[in-house]
């Protein structure tokens, strides 16, 4: 059994970030690996902290920062974690274990990044961060690329599936075709 924790999933899903859990559940269930939600970050096999509105960050920002020591442990150990968008920006501005990115004008755009571990990673960003769009320590990922990033990036998905006790994804042809079409439309 693989256990996951999602920080206030009802509010930290600004851009469909909870879709990352859906794609993991889909492929893990195909492999007969149960993927169950728990309420404690420390004992989770996978952690998701999605992008949130300013109002949600005002309401839950302190609680998120209270999780920083547990997230730091996950970062240091490279445990499967996605910290996305505004949550990443908040943490990066407050903790010393994530590099503090430089800020500039907010930019909204599709972006394809070349990463050492995952090859090209495609996603949409709406951020004032000028650098560090995709930071990885083992399977701990902090990124400005929000939404269901795993569904759009099959190699990255495979790496997280393996880290969660599964195997590489066996994509149904129609689904793979759709992902490739989305990637082609947004990689220009």
N, C-alpha and C. Protein backbone atom coordinates (compact mmCIF):
# COMPACT_ATOMS: atom_id res chain seq x y z
N UNK A 1 0.84 -1.18 0.00
CA UNK A 1 0.00 0.00 0.00
C UNK A 1 0.88 1.24 0.00
N UNK A 2 0.53 2.20 -0.83
CA UNK A 2 1.21 3.49 -0.89
C UNK A 2 0.27 4.53 -0.29
N UNK A 3 0.80 5.32 0.63
CA UNK A 3 -0.01 6.33 1.32
C UNK A 3 0.40 7.73 0.84
N UNK A 4 -0.61 8.58 0.65
CA UNK A 4 -0.30 9.95 0.25
C UNK A 4 -0.96 10.95 1.19
N UNK A 5 -0.36 12.13 1.23
CA UNK A 5 -0.87 13.26 2.00
C UNK A 5 -0.98 14.44 1.04
N UNK A 6 -2.13 15.09 1.05
CA UNK A 6 -2.33 16.29 0.25
C UNK A 6 -2.75 17.42 1.19
N UNK A 7 -1.97 18.48 1.20
CA UNK A 7 -2.22 19.61 2.10
C UNK A 7 -3.46 20.37 1.65
N UNK A 8 -4.49 20.38 2.49
CA UNK A 8 -5.74 21.10 2.23
C UNK A 8 -6.13 21.04 0.75
N UNK A 9 -6.36 19.83 0.29
CA UNK A 9 -6.61 19.59 -1.14
C UNK A 9 -7.77 20.40 -1.70
N UNK A 10 -8.73 20.75 -0.87
CA UNK A 10 -9.86 21.52 -1.36
C UNK A 10 -9.50 22.97 -1.68
N UNK A 11 -8.41 23.48 -1.10
CA UNK A 11 -7.99 24.88 -1.33
C UNK A 11 -6.68 24.97 -2.10
N UNK A 12 -5.88 23.91 -2.10
CA UNK A 12 -4.59 23.93 -2.77
C UNK A 12 -4.68 23.10 -4.06
N UNK A 13 -5.57 23.56 -4.91
CA UNK A 13 -5.86 22.92 -6.20
C UNK A 13 -6.19 24.00 -7.21
N UNK A 14 -5.52 25.13 -7.08
CA UNK A 14 -5.84 26.31 -7.87
C UNK A 14 -5.87 26.04 -9.36
N UNK A 15 -5.02 25.18 -9.83
CA UNK A 15 -4.91 24.94 -11.27
C UNK A 15 -4.96 23.46 -11.61
N UNK A 16 -5.73 22.72 -10.85
CA UNK A 16 -5.86 21.30 -11.11
C UNK A 16 -4.70 20.46 -10.59
N UNK A 17 -4.00 20.99 -9.59
CA UNK A 17 -2.84 20.27 -9.05
C UNK A 17 -3.21 18.91 -8.46
N UNK A 18 -4.43 18.78 -7.96
CA UNK A 18 -4.85 17.49 -7.40
C UNK A 18 -4.95 16.42 -8.49
N UNK A 19 -4.93 16.84 -9.74
CA UNK A 19 -4.88 15.90 -10.86
C UNK A 19 -3.64 15.03 -10.83
N UNK A 20 -2.59 15.50 -10.15
CA UNK A 20 -1.39 14.67 -9.99
C UNK A 20 -1.72 13.40 -9.20
N UNK A 21 -2.59 13.54 -8.21
CA UNK A 21 -3.02 12.37 -7.45
C UNK A 21 -3.87 11.45 -8.32
N UNK A 22 -4.72 12.03 -9.15
CA UNK A 22 -5.58 11.22 -10.02
C UNK A 22 -4.76 10.36 -10.97
N UNK A 23 -3.73 10.94 -11.57
CA UNK A 23 -2.93 10.16 -12.52
C UNK A 23 -2.11 9.10 -11.79
N UNK A 24 -1.62 9.41 -10.60
CA UNK A 24 -0.92 8.38 -9.82
C UNK A 24 -1.88 7.25 -9.44
N UNK A 25 -3.07 7.60 -8.96
CA UNK A 25 -4.06 6.59 -8.60
C UNK A 25 -4.40 5.70 -9.79
N UNK A 26 -4.59 6.32 -10.95
CA UNK A 26 -4.97 5.57 -12.15
C UNK A 26 -3.91 4.52 -12.47
N UNK A 27 -2.65 4.94 -12.57
CA UNK A 27 -1.62 4.00 -12.98
C UNK A 27 -1.25 3.01 -11.87
N UNK A 28 -1.27 3.44 -10.63
CA UNK A 28 -0.99 2.51 -9.53
C UNK A 28 -2.09 1.45 -9.42
N UNK A 29 -3.35 1.87 -9.63
CA UNK A 29 -4.44 0.88 -9.56
C UNK A 29 -4.32 -0.14 -10.69
N UNK A 30 -3.85 0.28 -11.87
CA UNK A 30 -3.60 -0.66 -12.97
C UNK A 30 -2.57 -1.71 -12.56
N UNK A 31 -1.70 -1.34 -11.64
CA UNK A 31 -0.62 -2.23 -11.20
C UNK A 31 -0.95 -2.93 -9.88
N UNK A 32 -2.20 -2.82 -9.46
CA UNK A 32 -2.69 -3.43 -8.21
C UNK A 32 -1.96 -2.89 -6.98
N UNK A 33 -1.56 -1.63 -7.03
CA UNK A 33 -0.96 -0.96 -5.87
C UNK A 33 -2.00 -0.01 -5.31
N UNK A 34 -2.41 -0.22 -4.06
CA UNK A 34 -3.40 0.69 -3.47
C UNK A 34 -2.72 2.02 -3.16
N UNK A 35 -3.48 3.08 -3.30
CA UNK A 35 -2.97 4.45 -3.12
C UNK A 35 -3.99 5.15 -2.24
N UNK A 36 -3.70 5.21 -0.95
CA UNK A 36 -4.69 5.67 0.02
C UNK A 36 -4.25 6.95 0.71
N UNK A 37 -5.23 7.82 0.97
CA UNK A 37 -4.96 9.10 1.62
C UNK A 37 -4.82 8.91 3.12
N UNK A 38 -3.85 9.64 3.69
CA UNK A 38 -3.68 9.69 5.14
C UNK A 38 -3.64 11.15 5.56
N UNK A 39 -3.77 11.40 6.85
CA UNK A 39 -3.81 12.77 7.35
C UNK A 39 -2.53 13.22 8.00
N UNK A 40 -1.48 12.46 7.86
CA UNK A 40 -0.21 12.80 8.51
C UNK A 40 0.92 12.81 7.48
N UNK A 41 1.52 13.95 7.28
CA UNK A 41 2.59 14.10 6.31
C UNK A 41 3.78 13.19 6.62
N UNK A 42 4.16 13.07 7.87
CA UNK A 42 5.38 12.36 8.26
C UNK A 42 5.39 10.90 7.83
N UNK A 43 4.23 10.25 7.75
CA UNK A 43 4.23 8.84 7.39
C UNK A 43 3.74 8.60 5.95
N UNK A 44 3.69 9.65 5.15
CA UNK A 44 3.23 9.53 3.77
C UNK A 44 4.37 9.07 2.86
N UNK A 45 3.99 8.26 1.87
CA UNK A 45 4.94 7.85 0.84
C UNK A 45 5.06 8.91 -0.25
N UNK A 46 3.98 9.69 -0.44
CA UNK A 46 3.95 10.75 -1.43
C UNK A 46 3.23 11.94 -0.81
N UNK A 47 3.75 13.14 -1.06
CA UNK A 47 3.14 14.37 -0.52
C UNK A 47 2.90 15.34 -1.67
N UNK A 48 1.73 15.96 -1.66
CA UNK A 48 1.39 17.00 -2.61
C UNK A 48 0.97 18.26 -1.86
N UNK A 49 1.62 19.37 -2.21
CA UNK A 49 1.21 20.68 -1.73
C UNK A 49 0.99 21.51 -2.99
N UNK A 50 -0.27 21.72 -3.33
CA UNK A 50 -0.61 22.38 -4.59
C UNK A 50 -0.56 23.89 -4.53
N UNK A 51 -0.84 24.48 -5.66
CA UNK A 51 -0.92 25.93 -5.82
C UNK A 51 -2.22 26.41 -5.18
N UNK A 52 -2.19 27.60 -4.61
CA UNK A 52 -3.38 28.12 -3.92
C UNK A 52 -3.56 29.60 -4.21
N UNK A 53 -4.77 30.05 -4.00
CA UNK A 53 -5.08 31.47 -4.15
C UNK A 53 -4.43 32.26 -3.02
N UNK A 54 -4.37 33.55 -3.19
CA UNK A 54 -3.84 34.42 -2.12
C UNK A 54 -4.66 34.28 -0.85
N UNK A 55 -5.97 34.16 -1.00
CA UNK A 55 -6.84 34.01 0.17
C UNK A 55 -6.51 32.71 0.91
N UNK A 56 -6.33 31.62 0.19
CA UNK A 56 -5.99 30.35 0.84
C UNK A 56 -4.62 30.43 1.49
N UNK A 57 -3.68 31.10 0.86
CA UNK A 57 -2.35 31.25 1.47
C UNK A 57 -2.42 32.09 2.74
N UNK A 58 -3.26 33.13 2.74
CA UNK A 58 -3.43 33.92 3.97
C UNK A 58 -4.02 33.05 5.08
N UNK A 59 -4.98 32.23 4.74
CA UNK A 59 -5.67 31.39 5.72
C UNK A 59 -4.80 30.24 6.22
N UNK A 60 -4.05 29.60 5.33
CA UNK A 60 -3.33 28.38 5.68
C UNK A 60 -1.81 28.50 5.59
N UNK A 61 -1.31 29.70 5.28
CA UNK A 61 0.12 29.89 5.12
C UNK A 61 0.93 29.52 6.35
N UNK A 62 0.48 29.91 7.53
CA UNK A 62 1.20 29.57 8.75
C UNK A 62 1.23 28.07 8.96
N UNK A 63 0.10 27.42 8.70
CA UNK A 63 0.04 25.96 8.81
C UNK A 63 1.01 25.29 7.83
N UNK A 64 1.09 25.84 6.62
CA UNK A 64 2.04 25.31 5.63
C UNK A 64 3.47 25.50 6.13
N UNK A 65 3.77 26.68 6.65
CA UNK A 65 5.13 26.92 7.16
C UNK A 65 5.44 26.03 8.37
N UNK A 66 4.41 25.67 9.14
CA UNK A 66 4.61 24.73 10.25
C UNK A 66 5.03 23.35 9.75
N UNK A 67 4.70 23.03 8.50
CA UNK A 67 5.10 21.75 7.90
C UNK A 67 6.52 21.78 7.35
N UNK A 68 7.14 22.96 7.35
CA UNK A 68 8.47 23.11 6.75
C UNK A 68 9.50 22.13 7.29
N UNK A 69 9.58 21.87 8.61
CA UNK A 69 10.57 20.89 9.07
C UNK A 69 10.35 19.48 8.49
N UNK A 70 9.11 19.05 8.41
CA UNK A 70 8.82 17.73 7.82
C UNK A 70 9.12 17.73 6.32
N UNK A 71 8.82 18.83 5.64
CA UNK A 71 9.14 18.94 4.23
C UNK A 71 10.66 19.00 4.02
N UNK A 72 11.36 19.64 4.94
CA UNK A 72 12.81 19.69 4.85
C UNK A 72 13.41 18.27 4.95
N UNK A 73 12.86 17.46 5.82
CA UNK A 73 13.32 16.07 5.94
C UNK A 73 13.07 15.32 4.64
N UNK A 74 11.90 15.53 4.04
CA UNK A 74 11.59 14.88 2.76
C UNK A 74 12.56 15.37 1.69
N UNK A 75 12.85 16.66 1.68
CA UNK A 75 13.78 17.24 0.71
C UNK A 75 15.17 16.63 0.88
N UNK A 76 15.64 16.58 2.12
CA UNK A 76 16.98 16.04 2.40
C UNK A 76 17.09 14.56 2.01
N UNK A 77 15.99 13.83 2.15
CA UNK A 77 15.99 12.40 1.82
C UNK A 77 15.50 12.10 0.41
N UNK A 78 15.14 13.13 -0.34
CA UNK A 78 14.68 12.95 -1.72
C UNK A 78 13.41 12.14 -1.84
N UNK A 79 12.50 12.29 -0.86
CA UNK A 79 11.27 11.51 -0.85
C UNK A 79 10.24 12.09 -1.82
N UNK A 80 9.40 11.26 -2.44
CA UNK A 80 8.44 11.72 -3.45
C UNK A 80 7.50 12.80 -2.91
N UNK A 81 7.68 14.00 -3.44
CA UNK A 81 6.94 15.17 -2.97
C UNK A 81 6.80 16.13 -4.14
N UNK A 82 5.64 16.74 -4.29
CA UNK A 82 5.43 17.83 -5.24
C UNK A 82 4.98 19.05 -4.46
N UNK A 83 5.74 20.12 -4.54
CA UNK A 83 5.36 21.42 -3.98
C UNK A 83 5.25 22.36 -5.18
N UNK A 84 4.05 22.90 -5.37
CA UNK A 84 3.72 23.54 -6.64
C UNK A 84 3.31 25.00 -6.46
N UNK A 85 3.71 25.82 -7.44
CA UNK A 85 3.23 27.18 -7.59
C UNK A 85 3.43 28.07 -6.38
N UNK A 86 2.35 28.68 -5.93
CA UNK A 86 2.41 29.66 -4.84
C UNK A 86 2.91 29.02 -3.54
N UNK A 87 2.65 27.74 -3.33
CA UNK A 87 3.16 27.07 -2.13
C UNK A 87 4.67 26.99 -2.17
N UNK A 88 5.21 26.66 -3.34
CA UNK A 88 6.66 26.66 -3.52
C UNK A 88 7.23 28.05 -3.30
N UNK A 89 6.59 29.06 -3.88
CA UNK A 89 7.07 30.43 -3.72
C UNK A 89 7.08 30.85 -2.25
N UNK A 90 6.02 30.51 -1.52
CA UNK A 90 5.97 30.86 -0.10
C UNK A 90 7.08 30.16 0.67
N UNK A 91 7.22 28.86 0.48
CA UNK A 91 8.26 28.13 1.20
C UNK A 91 9.65 28.63 0.83
N UNK A 92 9.91 28.85 -0.46
CA UNK A 92 11.25 29.29 -0.89
C UNK A 92 11.62 30.64 -0.30
N UNK A 93 10.62 31.47 -0.01
CA UNK A 93 10.91 32.78 0.57
C UNK A 93 11.13 32.71 2.08
N UNK A 94 10.79 31.58 2.70
CA UNK A 94 10.83 31.48 4.16
C UNK A 94 11.81 30.45 4.73
N UNK A 95 12.28 29.51 3.93
CA UNK A 95 13.14 28.45 4.45
C UNK A 95 14.53 28.55 3.83
N UNK A 96 15.52 28.02 4.53
CA UNK A 96 16.87 28.09 3.98
C UNK A 96 17.28 26.81 3.25
N UNK A 97 16.47 25.78 3.27
CA UNK A 97 16.81 24.54 2.59
C UNK A 97 16.37 24.52 1.13
N UNK A 98 15.58 25.51 0.70
CA UNK A 98 15.29 25.73 -0.71
C UNK A 98 16.02 27.01 -1.12
N UNK A 99 16.62 27.00 -2.29
CA UNK A 99 17.27 28.22 -2.76
C UNK A 99 16.24 29.33 -2.92
N UNK A 100 16.61 30.52 -2.50
CA UNK A 100 15.72 31.66 -2.64
C UNK A 100 15.81 32.17 -4.07
N UNK A 101 14.72 32.07 -4.82
CA UNK A 101 14.75 32.52 -6.21
C UNK A 101 14.68 34.04 -6.30
N UNK A 102 15.14 34.54 -7.44
CA UNK A 102 15.03 35.98 -7.72
C UNK A 102 13.63 36.26 -8.23
N UNK A 103 13.15 37.47 -7.96
CA UNK A 103 11.81 37.87 -8.41
C UNK A 103 11.91 38.93 -9.49
N UNK A 104 10.93 38.92 -10.34
CA UNK A 104 10.81 39.91 -11.41
C UNK A 104 9.34 40.15 -11.68
N UNK A 105 9.05 40.56 -12.89
CA UNK A 105 7.65 40.74 -13.29
C UNK A 105 6.99 39.37 -13.43
N UNK A 106 5.71 39.29 -13.08
CA UNK A 106 4.97 38.04 -13.22
C UNK A 106 4.86 37.68 -14.70
N UNK A 107 5.07 36.41 -14.99
CA UNK A 107 4.99 35.92 -16.37
C UNK A 107 4.04 34.73 -16.39
N UNK A 108 3.08 34.79 -17.32
CA UNK A 108 2.15 33.68 -17.52
C UNK A 108 2.43 33.10 -18.89
N UNK A 109 2.87 31.82 -18.90
CA UNK A 109 3.23 31.20 -20.17
C UNK A 109 3.41 29.70 -20.01
N UNK A 110 3.30 28.99 -21.14
CA UNK A 110 3.72 27.61 -21.16
C UNK A 110 5.23 27.63 -21.27
N UNK A 111 5.85 26.70 -20.58
CA UNK A 111 7.30 26.67 -20.59
C UNK A 111 7.77 25.22 -20.65
N UNK A 112 8.76 24.99 -21.49
CA UNK A 112 9.41 23.68 -21.55
C UNK A 112 10.80 23.85 -20.95
N UNK A 113 11.06 23.10 -19.91
CA UNK A 113 12.35 23.16 -19.24
C UNK A 113 13.13 21.89 -19.54
N UNK A 114 14.42 22.02 -19.70
CA UNK A 114 15.25 20.83 -19.85
C UNK A 114 15.84 20.54 -18.48
N UNK A 115 15.56 19.34 -17.98
CA UNK A 115 16.06 18.95 -16.67
C UNK A 115 17.06 17.81 -16.84
N UNK A 116 17.96 17.70 -15.89
CA UNK A 116 18.96 16.64 -15.95
C UNK A 116 18.33 15.26 -15.77
N UNK A 117 17.38 15.14 -14.83
CA UNK A 117 16.83 13.83 -14.47
C UNK A 117 15.64 13.41 -15.32
N UNK A 118 14.82 14.36 -15.71
CA UNK A 118 13.53 14.04 -16.32
C UNK A 118 13.41 14.45 -17.77
N UNK A 119 14.50 14.91 -18.37
CA UNK A 119 14.43 15.40 -19.74
C UNK A 119 13.60 16.66 -19.80
N UNK A 120 12.95 16.92 -20.94
CA UNK A 120 12.12 18.13 -21.02
C UNK A 120 10.86 17.99 -20.16
N UNK A 121 10.58 19.01 -19.39
CA UNK A 121 9.38 19.05 -18.55
C UNK A 121 8.57 20.25 -19.01
N UNK A 122 7.31 19.98 -19.36
CA UNK A 122 6.42 21.00 -19.90
C UNK A 122 5.36 21.35 -18.87
N UNK A 123 5.07 22.63 -18.75
CA UNK A 123 4.00 23.04 -17.86
C UNK A 123 3.66 24.50 -18.05
N UNK A 124 2.64 24.92 -17.34
CA UNK A 124 2.23 26.31 -17.39
C UNK A 124 2.65 26.98 -16.10
N UNK A 125 3.20 28.17 -16.22
CA UNK A 125 3.61 28.92 -15.04
C UNK A 125 2.97 30.29 -15.06
N UNK A 126 2.67 30.78 -13.88
CA UNK A 126 2.18 32.14 -13.67
C UNK A 126 2.89 32.58 -12.41
N UNK A 127 4.06 33.17 -12.60
CA UNK A 127 4.93 33.40 -11.46
C UNK A 127 5.80 34.63 -11.67
N UNK A 128 6.24 35.20 -10.57
CA UNK A 128 7.20 36.30 -10.63
C UNK A 128 8.62 35.81 -10.36
N UNK A 129 8.78 34.49 -10.17
CA UNK A 129 10.12 33.95 -9.99
C UNK A 129 10.86 33.99 -11.32
N UNK A 130 12.10 34.40 -11.27
CA UNK A 130 12.87 34.53 -12.50
C UNK A 130 13.72 33.30 -12.79
N UNK A 131 13.92 32.47 -11.82
CA UNK A 131 14.75 31.28 -11.99
C UNK A 131 14.19 30.17 -11.10
N UNK A 132 14.79 29.03 -11.15
CA UNK A 132 14.40 27.91 -10.29
C UNK A 132 12.95 27.49 -10.50
N UNK A 133 12.56 27.34 -11.76
CA UNK A 133 11.20 26.88 -12.08
C UNK A 133 10.98 25.42 -11.75
N UNK A 134 12.05 24.66 -11.65
CA UNK A 134 11.95 23.22 -11.39
C UNK A 134 13.17 22.83 -10.58
N UNK A 135 12.94 22.55 -9.31
CA UNK A 135 14.02 22.19 -8.40
C UNK A 135 13.77 20.76 -7.94
N UNK A 136 14.82 19.96 -8.01
CA UNK A 136 14.64 18.55 -7.66
C UNK A 136 15.77 18.07 -6.77
N UNK A 137 15.38 17.35 -5.73
CA UNK A 137 16.33 16.68 -4.85
C UNK A 137 15.84 15.24 -4.73
N UNK A 138 16.43 14.34 -5.49
CA UNK A 138 15.90 12.98 -5.56
C UNK A 138 14.52 13.02 -6.18
N UNK A 139 13.51 12.60 -5.44
CA UNK A 139 12.13 12.65 -5.93
C UNK A 139 11.32 13.76 -5.27
N UNK A 140 12.00 14.67 -4.62
CA UNK A 140 11.36 15.88 -4.06
C UNK A 140 11.42 16.94 -5.15
N UNK A 141 10.25 17.43 -5.58
CA UNK A 141 10.18 18.40 -6.67
C UNK A 141 9.43 19.64 -6.18
N UNK A 142 10.05 20.78 -6.39
CA UNK A 142 9.39 22.07 -6.15
C UNK A 142 9.39 22.79 -7.50
N UNK A 143 8.22 23.31 -7.89
CA UNK A 143 8.13 23.87 -9.24
C UNK A 143 7.10 24.99 -9.33
N UNK A 144 7.33 25.88 -10.27
CA UNK A 144 6.34 26.90 -10.60
C UNK A 144 5.38 26.40 -11.66
N UNK A 145 5.65 25.24 -12.23
CA UNK A 145 4.79 24.67 -13.27
C UNK A 145 3.64 23.93 -12.60
N UNK A 146 2.46 24.54 -12.65
CA UNK A 146 1.36 23.98 -11.88
C UNK A 146 0.43 23.15 -12.73
N UNK A 147 -0.59 22.63 -12.08
CA UNK A 147 -1.55 21.75 -12.73
C UNK A 147 -1.09 20.31 -12.62
N UNK A 148 -1.70 19.44 -13.41
CA UNK A 148 -1.33 18.02 -13.36
C UNK A 148 -0.03 17.76 -14.13
N UNK A 149 1.07 18.24 -13.57
CA UNK A 149 2.38 18.16 -14.23
C UNK A 149 2.79 16.72 -14.53
N UNK A 150 2.39 15.79 -13.68
CA UNK A 150 2.76 14.38 -13.93
C UNK A 150 2.05 13.85 -15.17
N UNK A 151 0.81 14.22 -15.37
CA UNK A 151 0.06 13.75 -16.53
C UNK A 151 0.63 14.29 -17.83
N UNK A 152 1.25 15.45 -17.80
CA UNK A 152 1.81 16.07 -19.00
C UNK A 152 3.25 15.65 -19.28
N UNK A 153 3.85 14.95 -18.33
CA UNK A 153 5.27 14.62 -18.44
C UNK A 153 5.49 13.14 -18.10
N UNK A 154 5.32 12.26 -19.10
CA UNK A 154 5.36 10.82 -18.85
C UNK A 154 6.65 10.32 -18.19
N UNK A 155 7.80 10.87 -18.55
CA UNK A 155 9.05 10.40 -17.93
C UNK A 155 9.08 10.75 -16.45
N UNK A 156 8.63 11.95 -16.12
CA UNK A 156 8.56 12.37 -14.72
C UNK A 156 7.54 11.50 -13.97
N UNK A 157 6.40 11.23 -14.58
CA UNK A 157 5.40 10.36 -13.98
C UNK A 157 6.00 8.99 -13.67
N UNK A 158 6.71 8.42 -14.63
CA UNK A 158 7.32 7.11 -14.40
C UNK A 158 8.27 7.13 -13.21
N UNK A 159 9.04 8.18 -13.08
CA UNK A 159 9.98 8.28 -11.96
C UNK A 159 9.24 8.33 -10.63
N UNK A 160 8.15 9.07 -10.56
CA UNK A 160 7.38 9.15 -9.32
C UNK A 160 6.62 7.85 -9.06
N UNK A 161 6.09 7.22 -10.10
CA UNK A 161 5.44 5.92 -9.92
C UNK A 161 6.42 4.91 -9.31
N UNK A 162 7.62 4.86 -9.82
CA UNK A 162 8.64 3.95 -9.28
C UNK A 162 8.93 4.28 -7.82
N UNK A 163 9.03 5.57 -7.51
CA UNK A 163 9.31 6.00 -6.13
C UNK A 163 8.15 5.67 -5.19
N UNK A 164 6.95 5.51 -5.75
CA UNK A 164 5.76 5.20 -4.94
C UNK A 164 5.47 3.70 -4.91
N UNK A 165 6.40 2.90 -5.34
CA UNK A 165 6.23 1.45 -5.27
C UNK A 165 5.58 0.83 -6.48
N UNK A 166 5.41 1.59 -7.53
CA UNK A 166 4.81 1.06 -8.75
C UNK A 166 5.86 0.80 -9.81
N UNK A 167 5.38 0.69 -11.03
CA UNK A 167 6.23 0.49 -12.20
C UNK A 167 5.92 1.62 -13.19
N UNK A 168 6.70 1.68 -14.25
CA UNK A 168 6.45 2.69 -15.28
C UNK A 168 5.02 2.54 -15.81
N UNK A 169 4.45 3.63 -16.25
CA UNK A 169 3.06 3.66 -16.71
C UNK A 169 2.88 2.88 -18.01
N UNK A 170 1.80 2.15 -18.08
CA UNK A 170 1.37 1.48 -19.30
C UNK A 170 0.20 2.30 -19.83
N UNK A 171 0.52 3.24 -20.72
CA UNK A 171 -0.47 4.20 -21.19
C UNK A 171 -1.43 3.57 -22.19
N UNK A 172 -2.73 3.72 -21.98
CA UNK A 172 -3.67 3.35 -23.04
C UNK A 172 -3.38 4.23 -24.26
N UNK A 173 -3.42 3.68 -25.47
CA UNK A 173 -3.03 4.45 -26.67
C UNK A 173 -3.75 5.79 -26.81
N UNK A 174 -5.05 5.83 -26.53
CA UNK A 174 -5.80 7.09 -26.67
C UNK A 174 -5.28 8.13 -25.69
N UNK A 175 -5.00 7.70 -24.48
CA UNK A 175 -4.50 8.62 -23.47
C UNK A 175 -3.10 9.14 -23.85
N UNK A 176 -2.23 8.28 -24.29
CA UNK A 176 -0.87 8.68 -24.69
C UNK A 176 -0.94 9.66 -25.86
N UNK A 177 -1.84 9.40 -26.80
CA UNK A 177 -2.02 10.28 -27.95
C UNK A 177 -2.45 11.67 -27.50
N UNK A 178 -3.37 11.72 -26.55
CA UNK A 178 -3.85 13.00 -26.04
C UNK A 178 -2.72 13.78 -25.36
N UNK A 179 -1.92 13.10 -24.54
CA UNK A 179 -0.80 13.75 -23.85
C UNK A 179 0.21 14.29 -24.86
N UNK A 180 0.54 13.51 -25.87
CA UNK A 180 1.49 13.96 -26.88
C UNK A 180 0.95 15.17 -27.64
N UNK A 181 -0.35 15.18 -27.93
CA UNK A 181 -0.96 16.32 -28.63
C UNK A 181 -0.87 17.59 -27.76
N UNK A 182 -1.19 17.47 -26.47
CA UNK A 182 -1.08 18.61 -25.56
C UNK A 182 0.36 19.12 -25.52
N UNK A 183 1.31 18.22 -25.43
CA UNK A 183 2.72 18.60 -25.39
C UNK A 183 3.14 19.32 -26.67
N UNK A 184 2.70 18.82 -27.81
CA UNK A 184 3.06 19.44 -29.09
C UNK A 184 2.45 20.84 -29.21
N UNK A 185 1.19 20.99 -28.82
CA UNK A 185 0.53 22.29 -28.92
C UNK A 185 1.17 23.34 -28.02
N UNK A 186 1.74 22.90 -26.90
CA UNK A 186 2.25 23.86 -25.92
C UNK A 186 3.78 23.95 -25.86
N UNK A 187 4.46 23.30 -26.78
CA UNK A 187 5.92 23.34 -26.70
C UNK A 187 6.53 24.36 -27.65
N UNK A 188 5.72 25.11 -28.33
CA UNK A 188 6.24 26.11 -29.29
C UNK A 188 6.43 27.45 -28.63
